[in-house]
């Protein structure tokens, strides 16, 4: 039975409206999988964008080491950017926290970085990808030598391929573990792991500095 011409015109009109919405808001496409795993999988196939690091990352204070925030990005089509944030403990746990943000427009990246930078006295500064990779991967290597795996959401594919040689960044090779404890840390498990790895009394424990969480 032939379709009603009036109903067909109505369906076509609604279809055009939906397509117009998708063109205006590409990140809201109903068929786009925005789960963290899917975003990471897609981002790993995209070209690298700019990288950023907390401005006090060069401080080499082994008595009260600063946690470092690192943001790497990938350039997506339609002027979108995918940003991944990693919180780095260079002297014990390696990657303490991490997540991949949903695709955002390039103009939104500045606001995202400003929010990340609020946890640091100096804010975020742009850096070479090799600097970002070196800070993060040195910390991951050291943490693994103590028996600590990176945070479960660590977006490792965005830090690969691993450079043939990492830069000699501050605190890349700590003299001894310094654990900077956070309010959500399983402190007793961390200390037990350190006791097993280097022995009781062969590491230091510090509370995170205000403004350097």
N, C-alpha and C. Protein backbone atom coordinates (compact mmCIF):
# COMPACT_ATOMS: atom_id res chain seq x y z
N UNK A 1 0.86 -1.19 0.00
CA UNK A 1 0.00 0.00 0.00
C UNK A 1 0.89 1.23 0.00
N UNK A 2 0.72 2.18 -0.91
CA UNK A 2 1.61 3.33 -0.98
C UNK A 2 1.50 4.19 0.26
N UNK A 3 2.63 4.81 0.64
CA UNK A 3 2.66 5.64 1.84
C UNK A 3 1.86 6.91 1.62
N UNK A 4 1.26 7.39 2.70
CA UNK A 4 0.53 8.65 2.65
C UNK A 4 1.50 9.79 2.36
N UNK A 5 1.25 10.56 1.25
CA UNK A 5 2.20 11.63 0.89
C UNK A 5 2.40 12.64 2.01
N UNK A 6 1.34 12.94 2.76
CA UNK A 6 1.46 13.90 3.85
C UNK A 6 2.36 13.39 4.96
N UNK A 7 2.19 12.09 5.32
CA UNK A 7 3.03 11.50 6.37
C UNK A 7 4.49 11.42 5.94
N UNK A 8 4.72 11.08 4.65
CA UNK A 8 6.09 10.98 4.15
C UNK A 8 6.77 12.34 4.21
N UNK A 9 6.08 13.40 3.83
CA UNK A 9 6.67 14.75 3.89
C UNK A 9 7.00 15.12 5.34
N UNK A 10 6.10 14.72 6.26
CA UNK A 10 6.34 15.03 7.67
C UNK A 10 7.59 14.31 8.18
N UNK A 11 7.74 13.01 7.79
CA UNK A 11 8.91 12.25 8.22
C UNK A 11 10.20 12.87 7.68
N UNK A 12 10.17 13.28 6.40
CA UNK A 12 11.35 13.89 5.80
C UNK A 12 11.69 15.21 6.49
N UNK A 13 10.67 15.95 6.88
CA UNK A 13 10.90 17.22 7.56
C UNK A 13 11.56 16.98 8.91
N UNK A 14 11.08 15.97 9.66
CA UNK A 14 11.68 15.64 10.96
C UNK A 14 13.11 15.14 10.79
N UNK A 15 13.35 14.38 9.72
CA UNK A 15 14.70 13.87 9.48
C UNK A 15 15.67 15.02 9.24
N UNK A 16 15.23 16.01 8.46
CA UNK A 16 16.09 17.16 8.19
C UNK A 16 16.39 17.94 9.46
N UNK A 17 15.40 18.03 10.35
CA UNK A 17 15.62 18.72 11.62
C UNK A 17 16.65 17.99 12.47
N UNK A 18 16.54 16.64 12.51
CA UNK A 18 17.52 15.86 13.29
C UNK A 18 18.91 16.03 12.73
N UNK A 19 19.03 16.00 11.42
CA UNK A 19 20.35 16.15 10.79
C UNK A 19 20.93 17.53 11.08
N UNK A 20 20.09 18.56 11.13
CA UNK A 20 20.56 19.91 11.44
C UNK A 20 21.08 19.99 12.86
N UNK A 21 20.39 19.32 13.80
CA UNK A 21 20.85 19.30 15.19
C UNK A 21 22.20 18.62 15.31
N UNK A 22 22.37 17.50 14.61
CA UNK A 22 23.64 16.77 14.65
C UNK A 22 24.77 17.63 14.10
N UNK A 23 24.50 18.38 13.02
CA UNK A 23 25.54 19.24 12.45
C UNK A 23 25.95 20.34 13.43
N UNK A 24 24.98 20.86 14.18
CA UNK A 24 25.27 21.93 15.13
C UNK A 24 25.90 21.41 16.41
N UNK A 25 25.59 20.18 16.80
CA UNK A 25 26.10 19.60 18.05
C UNK A 25 26.67 18.21 17.77
N UNK A 26 27.83 18.14 17.13
CA UNK A 26 28.36 16.82 16.74
C UNK A 26 28.67 15.92 17.91
N UNK A 27 28.96 16.49 19.09
CA UNK A 27 29.28 15.64 20.23
C UNK A 27 28.04 15.02 20.86
N UNK A 28 26.85 15.39 20.36
CA UNK A 28 25.61 14.85 20.93
C UNK A 28 24.93 13.88 19.98
N UNK A 29 25.64 13.40 19.01
CA UNK A 29 25.06 12.47 18.05
C UNK A 29 24.53 11.25 18.80
N UNK A 30 23.25 10.90 18.61
CA UNK A 30 22.67 9.80 19.39
C UNK A 30 23.34 8.45 19.15
N UNK A 31 24.04 8.30 18.02
CA UNK A 31 24.68 7.02 17.74
C UNK A 31 26.15 7.00 18.13
N UNK A 32 26.68 8.13 18.67
CA UNK A 32 28.08 8.22 19.03
C UNK A 32 28.28 7.61 20.42
N UNK A 33 29.19 6.66 20.51
CA UNK A 33 29.49 6.00 21.79
C UNK A 33 30.45 6.89 22.57
N UNK A 34 29.98 7.47 23.68
CA UNK A 34 30.80 8.36 24.48
C UNK A 34 31.22 7.70 25.80
N UNK A 35 31.25 6.39 25.85
CA UNK A 35 31.77 5.72 27.04
C UNK A 35 33.28 5.98 27.11
N UNK A 36 33.87 5.99 28.31
CA UNK A 36 35.31 6.24 28.43
C UNK A 36 36.15 5.31 27.57
N UNK A 37 35.79 4.03 27.53
CA UNK A 37 36.58 3.07 26.74
C UNK A 37 36.51 3.40 25.25
N UNK A 38 35.31 3.79 24.78
CA UNK A 38 35.16 4.11 23.36
C UNK A 38 35.90 5.38 23.00
N UNK A 39 35.83 6.39 23.88
CA UNK A 39 36.54 7.65 23.61
C UNK A 39 38.03 7.39 23.54
N UNK A 40 38.57 6.61 24.48
CA UNK A 40 39.99 6.31 24.47
C UNK A 40 40.39 5.55 23.22
N UNK A 41 39.58 4.58 22.84
CA UNK A 41 39.87 3.78 21.65
C UNK A 41 39.92 4.65 20.40
N UNK A 42 38.98 5.58 20.28
CA UNK A 42 38.94 6.46 19.12
C UNK A 42 40.07 7.49 19.17
N UNK A 43 40.35 8.02 20.37
CA UNK A 43 41.38 9.04 20.52
C UNK A 43 42.76 8.51 20.15
N UNK A 44 43.01 7.24 20.45
CA UNK A 44 44.32 6.67 20.17
C UNK A 44 44.63 6.63 18.68
N UNK A 45 43.62 6.74 17.84
CA UNK A 45 43.82 6.71 16.39
C UNK A 45 43.99 8.10 15.80
N UNK A 46 43.84 9.14 16.61
CA UNK A 46 43.87 10.52 16.13
C UNK A 46 45.26 11.14 16.29
N UNK A 47 45.57 12.18 15.52
CA UNK A 47 46.87 12.86 15.66
C UNK A 47 46.97 13.61 16.98
N UNK A 48 48.19 13.72 17.48
CA UNK A 48 48.43 14.39 18.76
C UNK A 48 48.18 15.89 18.64
N UNK A 49 47.59 16.45 19.69
CA UNK A 49 47.42 17.89 19.80
C UNK A 49 48.40 18.42 20.83
N UNK A 50 48.19 19.64 21.32
CA UNK A 50 49.11 20.21 22.31
C UNK A 50 49.05 19.47 23.65
N UNK A 51 50.14 19.56 24.40
CA UNK A 51 50.23 18.95 25.73
C UNK A 51 50.48 20.04 26.76
N UNK A 52 50.11 19.76 28.01
CA UNK A 52 50.22 20.76 29.08
C UNK A 52 50.65 20.07 30.37
N UNK A 53 51.27 20.86 31.26
CA UNK A 53 51.76 20.32 32.52
C UNK A 53 51.67 21.41 33.59
N UNK A 54 51.49 21.02 34.84
CA UNK A 54 51.42 22.02 35.91
C UNK A 54 52.74 22.78 36.00
N UNK A 55 52.63 24.10 36.19
CA UNK A 55 53.78 24.97 36.02
C UNK A 55 54.92 24.75 36.99
N UNK A 56 54.69 24.07 38.11
CA UNK A 56 55.77 23.85 39.08
C UNK A 56 56.43 22.48 38.93
N UNK A 57 56.28 21.87 37.76
CA UNK A 57 56.78 20.50 37.58
C UNK A 57 58.29 20.39 37.67
N UNK A 58 59.01 21.50 37.46
CA UNK A 58 60.48 21.45 37.47
C UNK A 58 61.06 21.46 38.88
N UNK A 59 60.22 21.72 39.89
CA UNK A 59 60.73 21.72 41.26
C UNK A 59 61.18 20.31 41.64
N UNK A 60 62.41 20.20 42.09
CA UNK A 60 62.97 18.88 42.41
C UNK A 60 63.15 18.78 43.92
N UNK A 61 62.05 18.81 44.62
CA UNK A 61 62.05 18.76 46.09
C UNK A 61 61.72 17.35 46.54
N UNK A 62 62.72 16.62 46.98
CA UNK A 62 62.49 15.23 47.41
C UNK A 62 61.99 15.15 48.84
N UNK A 63 62.02 16.27 49.57
CA UNK A 63 61.49 16.29 50.93
C UNK A 63 59.97 16.41 50.89
N UNK A 64 59.47 17.32 50.06
CA UNK A 64 58.03 17.51 49.89
C UNK A 64 57.72 17.61 48.39
N UNK A 65 57.80 16.49 47.68
CA UNK A 65 57.60 16.53 46.22
C UNK A 65 56.18 16.92 45.86
N UNK A 66 56.06 17.70 44.78
CA UNK A 66 54.75 18.13 44.31
C UNK A 66 54.14 17.06 43.41
N UNK A 67 52.83 16.89 43.53
CA UNK A 67 52.11 16.11 42.54
C UNK A 67 52.02 16.94 41.26
N UNK A 68 52.03 16.29 40.13
CA UNK A 68 52.05 16.97 38.84
C UNK A 68 50.83 16.57 38.03
N UNK A 69 50.17 17.55 37.42
CA UNK A 69 49.07 17.27 36.49
C UNK A 69 49.60 17.37 35.07
N UNK A 70 49.24 16.40 34.25
CA UNK A 70 49.64 16.36 32.85
C UNK A 70 48.39 16.19 32.00
N UNK A 71 48.27 17.00 30.96
CA UNK A 71 47.15 16.88 30.02
C UNK A 71 47.72 16.69 28.62
N UNK A 72 47.32 15.61 27.98
CA UNK A 72 47.65 15.41 26.57
C UNK A 72 46.36 15.44 25.77
N UNK A 73 46.44 15.86 24.52
CA UNK A 73 45.24 15.98 23.71
C UNK A 73 45.42 15.29 22.37
N UNK A 74 44.29 14.96 21.77
CA UNK A 74 44.26 14.45 20.40
C UNK A 74 43.27 15.30 19.60
N UNK A 75 43.60 15.55 18.35
CA UNK A 75 42.77 16.38 17.48
C UNK A 75 41.73 15.52 16.78
N UNK A 76 40.47 15.80 17.04
CA UNK A 76 39.37 15.08 16.41
C UNK A 76 38.80 15.92 15.27
N UNK A 77 38.04 15.30 14.36
CA UNK A 77 37.41 16.05 13.26
C UNK A 77 36.45 17.12 13.78
N UNK A 78 36.07 18.02 12.89
CA UNK A 78 35.08 19.07 13.17
C UNK A 78 35.53 20.03 14.26
N UNK A 79 36.85 20.24 14.39
CA UNK A 79 37.35 21.19 15.37
C UNK A 79 37.22 20.75 16.80
N UNK A 80 37.14 19.44 17.04
CA UNK A 80 37.02 18.92 18.40
C UNK A 80 38.38 18.46 18.93
N UNK A 81 38.47 18.43 20.25
CA UNK A 81 39.69 18.00 20.93
C UNK A 81 39.30 16.97 21.99
N UNK A 82 40.11 15.94 22.14
CA UNK A 82 39.93 14.97 23.23
C UNK A 82 41.12 15.14 24.17
N UNK A 83 40.82 15.46 25.42
CA UNK A 83 41.86 15.72 26.41
C UNK A 83 41.88 14.62 27.46
N UNK A 84 43.09 14.22 27.86
CA UNK A 84 43.25 13.23 28.92
C UNK A 84 44.07 13.85 30.04
N UNK A 85 43.58 13.73 31.27
CA UNK A 85 44.25 14.28 32.44
C UNK A 85 44.85 13.16 33.27
N UNK A 86 46.11 13.35 33.68
CA UNK A 86 46.81 12.37 34.52
C UNK A 86 47.39 13.11 35.72
N UNK A 87 47.13 12.62 36.92
CA UNK A 87 47.72 13.16 38.15
C UNK A 87 48.88 12.24 38.54
N UNK A 88 50.08 12.82 38.62
CA UNK A 88 51.29 12.02 38.74
C UNK A 88 51.98 12.22 40.09
N UNK A 89 52.25 11.11 40.75
CA UNK A 89 53.08 11.06 41.95
C UNK A 89 54.42 10.46 41.50
N UNK A 90 55.44 11.31 41.36
CA UNK A 90 56.71 10.88 40.76
C UNK A 90 57.59 10.08 41.70
N UNK A 91 57.27 10.07 42.98
CA UNK A 91 58.17 9.43 43.95
C UNK A 91 57.57 8.21 44.64
N UNK A 92 56.40 7.76 44.18
CA UNK A 92 55.83 6.56 44.80
C UNK A 92 54.78 5.88 43.93
N UNK A 93 53.59 6.45 43.84
CA UNK A 93 52.47 5.73 43.24
C UNK A 93 52.38 5.84 41.73
N UNK A 94 53.15 6.73 41.12
CA UNK A 94 53.07 6.89 39.67
C UNK A 94 51.81 7.65 39.29
N UNK A 95 50.94 7.04 38.49
CA UNK A 95 49.68 7.68 38.10
C UNK A 95 48.65 7.45 39.19
N UNK A 96 48.35 8.51 39.96
CA UNK A 96 47.40 8.40 41.07
C UNK A 96 45.96 8.47 40.60
N UNK A 97 45.72 9.26 39.57
CA UNK A 97 44.36 9.43 39.07
C UNK A 97 44.43 9.80 37.61
N UNK A 98 43.38 9.51 36.87
CA UNK A 98 43.38 9.80 35.43
C UNK A 98 41.97 9.68 34.87
N UNK A 99 41.71 10.42 33.81
CA UNK A 99 40.47 10.24 33.07
C UNK A 99 40.61 10.90 31.70
N UNK A 100 39.78 10.43 30.79
CA UNK A 100 39.70 11.01 29.44
C UNK A 100 38.39 11.78 29.36
N UNK A 101 38.48 13.07 29.04
CA UNK A 101 37.29 13.91 28.96
C UNK A 101 36.53 13.64 27.67
N UNK A 102 35.25 13.95 27.67
CA UNK A 102 34.45 13.83 26.45
C UNK A 102 34.94 14.86 25.43
N UNK A 103 34.75 14.58 24.16
CA UNK A 103 35.20 15.54 23.13
C UNK A 103 34.67 16.94 23.40
N UNK A 104 35.56 17.91 23.27
CA UNK A 104 35.18 19.32 23.47
C UNK A 104 35.68 20.15 22.29
N UNK A 105 35.10 21.31 22.13
CA UNK A 105 35.57 22.21 21.10
C UNK A 105 36.89 22.85 21.53
N UNK A 106 37.73 23.23 20.56
CA UNK A 106 39.03 23.81 20.88
C UNK A 106 38.89 25.01 21.80
N UNK A 107 37.82 25.78 21.62
CA UNK A 107 37.61 26.97 22.45
C UNK A 107 37.33 26.61 23.91
N UNK A 108 36.89 25.38 24.18
CA UNK A 108 36.58 24.95 25.54
C UNK A 108 37.81 24.44 26.28
N UNK A 109 38.89 24.18 25.55
CA UNK A 109 40.08 23.61 26.17
C UNK A 109 40.69 24.55 27.20
N UNK A 110 40.68 25.83 26.92
CA UNK A 110 41.26 26.81 27.85
C UNK A 110 40.56 26.77 29.20
N UNK A 111 39.24 26.67 29.18
CA UNK A 111 38.47 26.59 30.43
C UNK A 111 38.78 25.29 31.17
N UNK A 112 38.90 24.19 30.43
CA UNK A 112 39.24 22.90 31.03
C UNK A 112 40.59 22.98 31.73
N UNK A 113 41.58 23.59 31.07
CA UNK A 113 42.93 23.71 31.65
C UNK A 113 42.92 24.62 32.87
N UNK A 114 42.11 25.66 32.84
CA UNK A 114 42.02 26.56 33.99
C UNK A 114 41.49 25.83 35.21
N UNK A 115 40.51 24.94 35.00
CA UNK A 115 39.96 24.16 36.11
C UNK A 115 41.02 23.21 36.66
N UNK A 116 41.75 22.56 35.79
CA UNK A 116 42.81 21.65 36.23
C UNK A 116 43.88 22.44 37.00
N UNK A 117 44.23 23.60 36.50
CA UNK A 117 45.29 24.40 37.10
C UNK A 117 44.96 24.95 38.47
N UNK A 118 43.69 24.95 38.86
CA UNK A 118 43.32 25.46 40.17
C UNK A 118 43.93 24.65 41.31
N UNK A 119 44.33 23.41 41.03
CA UNK A 119 44.94 22.56 42.05
C UNK A 119 46.43 22.84 42.22
N UNK A 120 46.95 23.78 41.45
CA UNK A 120 48.39 24.09 41.48
C UNK A 120 48.60 25.59 41.61
N UNK A 121 49.68 25.98 42.27
CA UNK A 121 49.94 27.39 42.50
C UNK A 121 50.19 28.15 41.21
N UNK A 122 50.81 27.50 40.23
CA UNK A 122 51.22 28.19 39.01
C UNK A 122 50.25 27.94 37.86
N UNK A 123 49.34 26.99 37.98
CA UNK A 123 48.45 26.68 36.87
C UNK A 123 49.12 25.76 35.86
N UNK A 124 48.53 25.67 34.67
CA UNK A 124 49.02 24.78 33.62
C UNK A 124 49.77 25.57 32.55
N UNK A 125 50.84 24.97 32.02
CA UNK A 125 51.60 25.59 30.95
C UNK A 125 51.75 24.57 29.81
N UNK A 126 51.89 25.06 28.59
CA UNK A 126 52.05 24.16 27.45
C UNK A 126 53.45 23.55 27.46
N UNK A 127 53.57 22.32 27.02
CA UNK A 127 54.86 21.64 26.97
C UNK A 127 54.92 20.72 25.75
N UNK A 128 56.11 20.26 25.42
CA UNK A 128 56.27 19.28 24.34
C UNK A 128 55.65 17.95 24.77
N UNK A 129 55.17 17.20 23.80
CA UNK A 129 54.64 15.87 24.11
C UNK A 129 55.69 15.01 24.78
N UNK A 130 56.95 15.13 24.36
CA UNK A 130 58.02 14.32 24.95
C UNK A 130 58.19 14.63 26.44
N UNK A 131 58.01 15.88 26.83
CA UNK A 131 58.08 16.23 28.26
C UNK A 131 56.95 15.53 29.01
N UNK A 132 55.73 15.61 28.47
CA UNK A 132 54.59 14.96 29.11
C UNK A 132 54.81 13.45 29.22
N UNK A 133 55.26 12.84 28.14
CA UNK A 133 55.53 11.39 28.15
C UNK A 133 56.60 11.05 29.17
N UNK A 134 57.66 11.84 29.22
CA UNK A 134 58.79 11.54 30.10
C UNK A 134 58.39 11.62 31.56
N UNK A 135 57.68 12.68 31.95
CA UNK A 135 57.25 12.82 33.34
C UNK A 135 56.35 11.66 33.75
N UNK A 136 55.40 11.34 32.90
CA UNK A 136 54.43 10.29 33.24
C UNK A 136 55.07 8.91 33.23
N UNK A 137 55.81 8.59 32.19
CA UNK A 137 56.34 7.23 32.05
C UNK A 137 57.48 6.96 33.03
N UNK A 138 58.29 7.96 33.37
CA UNK A 138 59.29 7.77 34.44
C UNK A 138 58.57 7.42 35.74
N UNK A 139 57.50 8.14 36.04
CA UNK A 139 56.75 7.89 37.27
C UNK A 139 56.11 6.50 37.26
N UNK A 140 55.57 6.11 36.13
CA UNK A 140 54.98 4.77 36.01
C UNK A 140 56.04 3.69 36.21
N UNK A 141 57.21 3.89 35.59
CA UNK A 141 58.29 2.91 35.73
C UNK A 141 58.72 2.77 37.19
N UNK A 142 58.90 3.90 37.86
CA UNK A 142 59.35 3.86 39.26
C UNK A 142 58.29 3.21 40.15
N UNK A 143 57.03 3.57 39.93
CA UNK A 143 55.96 2.99 40.74
C UNK A 143 55.89 1.48 40.54
N UNK A 144 56.03 1.04 39.31
CA UNK A 144 55.98 -0.41 39.04
C UNK A 144 57.15 -1.12 39.72
N UNK A 145 58.29 -0.46 39.84
CA UNK A 145 59.44 -1.08 40.53
C UNK A 145 59.13 -1.29 42.01
N UNK A 146 58.17 -0.54 42.54
CA UNK A 146 57.76 -0.67 43.94
C UNK A 146 56.53 -1.58 44.09
N UNK A 147 55.97 -1.99 42.97
CA UNK A 147 54.80 -2.86 43.01
C UNK A 147 53.47 -2.17 42.84
N UNK A 148 53.48 -0.89 42.40
CA UNK A 148 52.24 -0.14 42.21
C UNK A 148 51.91 -0.03 40.72
N UNK A 149 50.70 -0.42 40.36
CA UNK A 149 50.24 -0.27 38.98
C UNK A 149 49.63 1.12 38.80
N UNK A 150 49.59 1.63 37.57
CA UNK A 150 48.93 2.92 37.35
C UNK A 150 47.44 2.84 37.67
N UNK A 151 46.84 3.99 37.90
CA UNK A 151 45.39 4.07 38.11
C UNK A 151 44.65 3.33 37.00
N UNK A 152 43.55 2.72 37.33
CA UNK A 152 42.83 1.86 36.37
C UNK A 152 42.38 2.63 35.13
N UNK A 153 42.22 3.95 35.22
CA UNK A 153 41.78 4.74 34.07
C UNK A 153 42.94 5.41 33.33
N UNK A 154 44.16 5.01 33.62
CA UNK A 154 45.32 5.60 32.95
C UNK A 154 45.21 5.37 31.44
N UNK A 155 45.17 6.45 30.64
CA UNK A 155 45.01 6.30 29.18
C UNK A 155 46.36 6.03 28.50
N UNK A 156 46.95 4.90 28.79
CA UNK A 156 48.30 4.59 28.29
C UNK A 156 48.43 4.70 26.77
N UNK A 157 47.40 4.32 25.97
CA UNK A 157 47.54 4.45 24.52
C UNK A 157 47.81 5.88 24.05
N UNK A 158 47.44 6.88 24.85
CA UNK A 158 47.68 8.26 24.45
C UNK A 158 49.10 8.71 24.76
N UNK A 159 49.87 7.87 25.44
CA UNK A 159 51.27 8.17 25.74
C UNK A 159 52.21 7.26 24.94
N UNK A 160 51.66 6.56 23.99
CA UNK A 160 52.44 5.69 23.14
C UNK A 160 52.37 6.19 21.69
N UNK A 161 53.31 5.76 20.82
CA UNK A 161 54.38 4.83 21.13
C UNK A 161 55.39 5.44 22.10
N UNK A 162 55.93 4.60 22.97
CA UNK A 162 56.91 5.07 23.96
C UNK A 162 58.16 5.55 23.24
N UNK A 163 58.64 6.76 23.58
CA UNK A 163 59.85 7.26 22.94
C UNK A 163 61.04 6.33 23.17
N UNK A 164 61.95 6.30 22.22
CA UNK A 164 63.15 5.46 22.35
C UNK A 164 63.95 5.86 23.58
N UNK A 165 63.92 7.16 23.91
CA UNK A 165 64.64 7.66 25.08
C UNK A 165 63.82 8.76 25.74
N UNK A 166 63.59 8.61 27.04
CA UNK A 166 62.85 9.62 27.79
C UNK A 166 63.80 10.73 28.24
N UNK A 167 63.25 11.93 28.41
CA UNK A 167 64.04 13.04 28.93
C UNK A 167 64.36 12.80 30.41
N UNK A 168 65.47 13.36 30.85
CA UNK A 168 65.87 13.23 32.25
C UNK A 168 65.15 14.32 33.06
N UNK A 169 63.88 14.10 33.34
CA UNK A 169 63.05 15.09 34.01
C UNK A 169 63.26 15.05 35.53
N UNK A 170 62.91 16.14 36.24
CA UNK A 170 63.07 16.15 37.70
C UNK A 170 62.36 14.99 38.38
N UNK A 171 63.02 14.41 39.37
CA UNK A 171 62.49 13.30 40.16
C UNK A 171 62.22 12.05 39.32
N UNK A 172 62.94 11.94 38.19
CA UNK A 172 62.79 10.75 37.37
C UNK A 172 63.34 9.51 38.08
N UNK A 173 64.36 9.72 38.94
CA UNK A 173 64.97 8.60 39.67
C UNK A 173 65.13 9.00 41.15
N UNK A 174 64.07 8.91 41.92
CA UNK A 174 64.14 9.31 43.34
C UNK A 174 65.17 8.48 44.11
N UNK A 175 65.80 9.12 45.10
CA UNK A 175 66.77 8.40 45.92
C UNK A 175 66.09 7.37 46.80
N UNK A 176 64.87 7.67 47.24
CA UNK A 176 64.07 6.74 48.03
C UNK A 176 62.62 7.11 47.85
N UNK A 177 61.69 6.18 48.06
CA UNK A 177 60.27 6.51 47.89
C UNK A 177 59.81 7.57 48.88
N UNK A 178 59.02 8.51 48.36
CA UNK A 178 58.35 9.50 49.20
C UNK A 178 56.87 9.42 48.85
N UNK A 179 56.08 8.96 49.77
CA UNK A 179 54.64 8.79 49.53
C UNK A 179 53.90 10.04 49.97
N UNK A 180 53.26 10.72 49.03
CA UNK A 180 52.44 11.90 49.31
C UNK A 180 51.00 11.41 49.45
N UNK A 181 50.50 11.32 50.68
CA UNK A 181 49.19 10.70 50.91
C UNK A 181 48.06 11.66 50.56
N UNK A 182 46.99 11.08 50.05
CA UNK A 182 45.78 11.85 49.72
C UNK A 182 44.60 11.34 50.52
N UNK A 183 43.52 12.12 50.62
CA UNK A 183 42.37 11.74 51.46
C UNK A 183 41.66 10.47 51.01
N UNK A 184 41.77 10.11 49.72
CA UNK A 184 41.07 8.93 49.23
C UNK A 184 42.00 7.72 49.10
N UNK A 185 43.24 7.86 49.53
CA UNK A 185 44.21 6.77 49.37
C UNK A 185 43.96 5.64 50.37
N UNK A 186 44.21 4.39 49.95
CA UNK A 186 44.20 3.26 50.89
C UNK A 186 45.55 3.20 51.60
N UNK A 187 45.74 4.09 52.57
CA UNK A 187 47.06 4.33 53.15
C UNK A 187 47.69 3.06 53.70
N UNK A 188 46.92 2.26 54.43
CA UNK A 188 47.50 1.06 55.04
C UNK A 188 48.03 0.10 53.98
N UNK A 189 47.31 -0.03 52.84
CA UNK A 189 47.78 -0.92 51.78
C UNK A 189 49.04 -0.37 51.11
N UNK A 190 49.08 0.96 50.93
CA UNK A 190 50.27 1.57 50.33
C UNK A 190 51.49 1.34 51.22
N UNK A 191 51.33 1.56 52.51
CA UNK A 191 52.46 1.38 53.44
C UNK A 191 52.90 -0.08 53.50
N UNK A 192 51.94 -0.99 53.46
CA UNK A 192 52.30 -2.41 53.46
C UNK A 192 53.10 -2.77 52.22
N UNK A 193 52.71 -2.21 51.07
CA UNK A 193 53.43 -2.48 49.83
C UNK A 193 54.85 -1.90 49.90
N UNK A 194 54.99 -0.69 50.46
CA UNK A 194 56.31 -0.09 50.59
C UNK A 194 57.19 -0.89 51.55
N UNK A 195 56.60 -1.39 52.65
CA UNK A 195 57.36 -2.24 53.58
C UNK A 195 57.90 -3.46 52.85
N UNK A 196 57.07 -4.06 51.99
CA UNK A 196 57.48 -5.26 51.28
C UNK A 196 58.52 -4.94 50.21
N UNK A 197 58.41 -3.77 49.58
CA UNK A 197 59.30 -3.43 48.47
C UNK A 197 60.66 -2.95 48.91
N UNK A 198 60.71 -2.05 49.91
CA UNK A 198 62.00 -1.46 50.29
C UNK A 198 62.32 -1.61 51.77
N UNK A 199 61.38 -2.10 52.56
CA UNK A 199 61.65 -2.30 53.97
C UNK A 199 61.18 -1.12 54.83
N UNK A 200 60.69 -1.42 56.02
CA UNK A 200 60.22 -0.39 56.95
C UNK A 200 61.34 0.59 57.26
N UNK A 201 61.01 1.87 57.22
CA UNK A 201 62.00 2.90 57.53
C UNK A 201 62.81 3.36 56.34
N UNK A 202 62.61 2.74 55.18
CA UNK A 202 63.38 3.12 53.99
C UNK A 202 62.57 3.96 53.01
N UNK A 203 61.53 4.61 53.52
CA UNK A 203 60.72 5.51 52.70
C UNK A 203 60.15 6.59 53.61
N UNK A 204 59.65 7.65 53.01
CA UNK A 204 59.05 8.76 53.76
C UNK A 204 57.58 8.91 53.39
N UNK A 205 56.80 9.44 54.32
CA UNK A 205 55.37 9.67 54.09
C UNK A 205 55.07 11.13 54.38
N UNK A 206 54.39 11.79 53.44
CA UNK A 206 54.04 13.19 53.58
C UNK A 206 52.57 13.38 53.21
N UNK A 207 51.95 14.41 53.80
CA UNK A 207 50.60 14.81 53.39
C UNK A 207 50.73 15.79 52.23
N UNK A 208 49.76 15.77 51.32
CA UNK A 208 49.81 16.66 50.17
C UNK A 208 49.75 18.11 50.62
N UNK A 209 50.56 18.96 49.96
CA UNK A 209 50.54 20.38 50.25
C UNK A 209 49.23 21.00 49.77
N UNK A 210 48.70 21.95 50.51
CA UNK A 210 47.54 22.70 50.04
C UNK A 210 47.94 23.47 48.80
N UNK A 211 47.09 23.41 47.76
CA UNK A 211 47.42 24.09 46.51
C UNK A 211 48.29 23.27 45.62
N UNK A 212 48.61 22.03 46.01
CA UNK A 212 49.44 21.17 45.16
C UNK A 212 48.92 19.75 45.24
N UNK A 213 47.60 19.62 45.25
CA UNK A 213 46.98 18.31 45.44
C UNK A 213 47.14 17.47 44.18
